[in-house]
Amino acid sequence: MKFKKTINPLLLRMKETEKGALYQSIVVMGKRARQINDLLKQELQTRLADVAPSTDAGETNYERYTISREFDKIPKPTILAMEEMFEDKLVYTLPEEKKTI
């Protein structure tokens, strides 16, 4: 099953008016995507560490292959972060600007 997600510019503009500038929303989604990516990497490394490495250089380790294929089917972290933003699961606050005189 392929996962396809299209970006609707109208939805992006709607989110822009809710929280402020579009740039701020993109920065927040980028930071969340990096968090998701780090979590997925840790989980993959943990699961691969449990599998014994193959001793023969030409031999394929099917357990490792199966785990890797499973992680390949997960949508990209950027798509997951965008979905969280559009479903209002991603909550963030903007720091207040300091006024200097």
C-alpha atoms as a PDB file:
ATOM      1  CA  MET A   1       0.000   0.000   0.000  1.00  0.00           C
ATOM      2  CA  LYS A   2       1.447   3.322  -1.074  1.00  0.00           C
ATOM      3  CA  PHE A   3       0.678   6.352   1.044  1.00  0.00           C
ATOM      4  CA  LYS A   4       0.084   9.520  -0.917  1.00  0.00           C
ATOM      5  CA  LYS A   5      -0.713  12.878   0.568  1.00  0.00           C
ATOM      6  CA  THR A   6      -1.221  16.016  -1.420  1.00  0.00           C
ATOM      7  CA  ILE A   7      -0.695  19.448   0.013  1.00  0.00           C
ATOM      8  CA  ASN A   8      -3.681  21.687  -0.341  1.00  0.00           C
ATOM      9  CA  PRO A   9      -2.579  25.358  -0.468  1.00  0.00           C
ATOM     10  CA  LEU A  10      -5.993  26.454   0.793  1.00  0.00           C
ATOM     11  CA  LEU A  11      -5.588  24.397   3.968  1.00  0.00           C
ATOM     12  CA  LEU A  12      -2.139  25.908   4.495  1.00  0.00           C
ATOM     13  CA  ARG A  13      -3.611  29.409   4.219  1.00  0.00           C
ATOM     14  CA  MET A  14      -6.342  28.501   6.709  1.00  0.00           C
ATOM     15  CA  LYS A  15      -3.726  27.333   9.204  1.00  0.00           C
ATOM     16  CA  GLU A  16      -1.792  30.537   8.560  1.00  0.00           C
ATOM     17  CA  THR A  17      -4.706  32.680   9.728  1.00  0.00           C
ATOM     18  CA  GLU A  18      -5.264  30.564  12.861  1.00  0.00           C
ATOM     19  CA  LYS A  19      -1.797  30.899  14.377  1.00  0.00           C
ATOM     20  CA  GLY A  20      -0.065  33.690  12.534  1.00  0.00           C
ATOM     21  CA  ALA A  21       2.448  33.483   9.741  1.00  0.00           C
ATOM     22  CA  LEU A  22       2.740  30.512   7.439  1.00  0.00           C
ATOM     23  CA  TYR A  23       6.499  30.487   8.044  1.00  0.00           C
ATOM     24  CA  GLN A  24       5.963  29.842  11.763  1.00  0.00           C
ATOM     25  CA  SER A  25       3.702  26.869  11.022  1.00  0.00           C
ATOM     26  CA  ILE A  26       6.286  25.438   8.627  1.00  0.00           C
ATOM     27  CA  VAL A  27       9.038  25.801  11.231  1.00  0.00           C
ATOM     28  CA  VAL A  28       6.901  24.023  13.837  1.00  0.00           C
ATOM     29  CA  MET A  29       6.068  21.195  11.417  1.00  0.00           C
ATOM     30  CA  GLY A  30       9.777  20.886  10.556  1.00  0.00           C
ATOM     31  CA  LYS A  31      10.762  20.582  14.202  1.00  0.00           C
ATOM     32  CA  ARG A  32       8.046  17.996  14.795  1.00  0.00           C
ATOM     33  CA  ALA A  33       9.160  16.038  11.707  1.00  0.00           C
ATOM     34  CA  ARG A  34      12.708  15.884  13.116  1.00  0.00           C
ATOM     35  CA  GLN A  35      11.334  14.584  16.432  1.00  0.00           C
ATOM     36  CA  ILE A  36       9.312  11.903  14.632  1.00  0.00           C
ATOM     37  CA  ASN A  37      12.346  10.953  12.526  1.00  0.00           C
ATOM     38  CA  ASP A  38      14.515  10.582  15.632  1.00  0.00           C
ATOM     39  CA  LEU A  39      11.884   8.378  17.306  1.00  0.00           C
ATOM     40  CA  LEU A  40      11.607   6.168  14.220  1.00  0.00           C
ATOM     41  CA  LYS A  41      15.408   5.830  14.003  1.00  0.00           C
ATOM     42  CA  GLN A  42      15.632   4.797  17.649  1.00  0.00           C
ATOM     43  CA  GLU A  43      12.862   2.240  17.233  1.00  0.00           C
ATOM     44  CA  LEU A  44      14.466   0.803  14.085  1.00  0.00           C
ATOM     45  CA  GLN A  45      17.878   0.535  15.751  1.00  0.00           C
ATOM     46  CA  THR A  46      16.342  -1.132  18.794  1.00  0.00           C
ATOM     47  CA  ARG A  47      14.503  -3.694  16.710  1.00  0.00           C
ATOM     48  CA  LEU A  48      17.523  -4.395  14.490  1.00  0.00           C
ATOM     49  CA  ALA A  49      19.775  -4.790  17.552  1.00  0.00           C
ATOM     50  CA  ASP A  50      17.591  -7.698  18.729  1.00  0.00           C
ATOM     51  CA  VAL A  51      18.251  -9.570  15.483  1.00  0.00           C
ATOM     52  CA  ALA A  52      21.519 -11.483  15.225  1.00  0.00           C
ATOM     53  CA  PRO A  53      23.733 -10.253  12.369  1.00  0.00           C
ATOM     54  CA  SER A  54      24.458 -12.730   9.593  1.00  0.00           C
ATOM     55  CA  THR A  55      27.888 -14.328   9.805  1.00  0.00           C
ATOM     56  CA  ASP A  56      28.312 -14.928   6.076  1.00  0.00           C
ATOM     57  CA  ALA A  57      28.977 -11.849   3.930  1.00  0.00           C
ATOM     58  CA  GLY A  58      26.877 -13.143   1.013  1.00  0.00           C
ATOM     59  CA  GLU A  59      23.978 -14.335   3.158  1.00  0.00           C
ATOM     60  CA  THR A  60      20.787 -12.269   3.438  1.00  0.00           C
ATOM     61  CA  ASN A  61      19.335 -11.831   6.890  1.00  0.00           C
ATOM     62  CA  TYR A  62      15.601 -12.070   6.234  1.00  0.00           C
ATOM     63  CA  GLU A  63      14.605 -10.884   9.707  1.00  0.00           C
ATOM     64  CA  ARG A  64      16.521  -7.631   9.246  1.00  0.00           C
ATOM     65  CA  TYR A  65      15.110  -7.324   5.737  1.00  0.00           C
ATOM     66  CA  THR A  66      11.536  -7.752   7.007  1.00  0.00           C
ATOM     67  CA  ILE A  67      11.999  -5.130   9.715  1.00  0.00           C
ATOM     68  CA  SER A  68      13.513  -2.682   7.225  1.00  0.00           C
ATOM     69  CA  ARG A  69      10.625  -3.208   4.782  1.00  0.00           C
ATOM     70  CA  GLU A  70       8.152  -2.609   7.600  1.00  0.00           C
ATOM     71  CA  PHE A  71       9.755   0.757   8.350  1.00  0.00           C
ATOM     72  CA  ASP A  72       9.823   1.659   4.648  1.00  0.00           C
ATOM     73  CA  LYS A  73       6.019   1.503   4.600  1.00  0.00           C
ATOM     74  CA  ILE A  74       5.669   4.155   7.316  1.00  0.00           C
ATOM     75  CA  PRO A  75       4.816   7.586   5.866  1.00  0.00           C
ATOM     76  CA  LYS A  76       7.593  10.176   5.859  1.00  0.00           C
ATOM     77  CA  PRO A  77       7.999  12.222   9.071  1.00  0.00           C
ATOM     78  CA  THR A  78       7.118  15.443   7.228  1.00  0.00           C
ATOM     79  CA  ILE A  79       3.763  14.004   6.155  1.00  0.00           C
ATOM     80  CA  LEU A  80       3.060  12.784   9.695  1.00  0.00           C
ATOM     81  CA  ALA A  81       3.881  16.242  11.106  1.00  0.00           C
ATOM     82  CA  MET A  82       1.592  17.934   8.566  1.00  0.00           C
ATOM     83  CA  GLU A  83      -1.241  15.572   9.454  1.00  0.00           C
ATOM     84  CA  GLU A  84      -0.761  16.346  13.153  1.00  0.00           C
ATOM     85  CA  MET A  85      -0.937  20.065  12.361  1.00  0.00           C
ATOM     86  CA  PHE A  86      -4.105  19.779  10.261  1.00  0.00           C
ATOM     87  CA  GLU A  87      -5.819  17.519  12.799  1.00  0.00           C
ATOM     88  CA  ASP A  88      -4.939  19.995  15.585  1.00  0.00           C
ATOM     89  CA  LYS A  89      -2.872  17.359  17.409  1.00  0.00           C
ATOM     90  CA  LEU A  90       0.208  19.563  17.218  1.00  0.00           C
ATOM     91  CA  VAL A  91       0.005  22.300  19.821  1.00  0.00           C
ATOM     92  CA  TYR A  92       2.571  25.054  20.049  1.00  0.00           C
ATOM     93  CA  THR A  93       2.877  28.515  21.497  1.00  0.00           C
ATOM     94  CA  LEU A  94       4.816  31.392  20.107  1.00  0.00           C
ATOM     95  CA  PRO A  95       7.194  33.210  22.440  1.00  0.00           C
ATOM     96  CA  GLU A  96       6.241  36.751  23.209  1.00  0.00           C
ATOM     97  CA  GLU A  97       8.405  39.391  21.633  1.00  0.00           C
ATOM     98  CA  LYS A  98      10.451  41.472  24.021  1.00  0.00           C
ATOM     99  CA  LYS A  99       9.882  45.143  23.531  1.00  0.00           C
ATOM    100  CA  THR A 100      13.031  47.172  23.675  1.00  0.00           C
ATOM    101  CA  ILE A 101      13.098  50.913  23.911  1.00  0.00           C
END
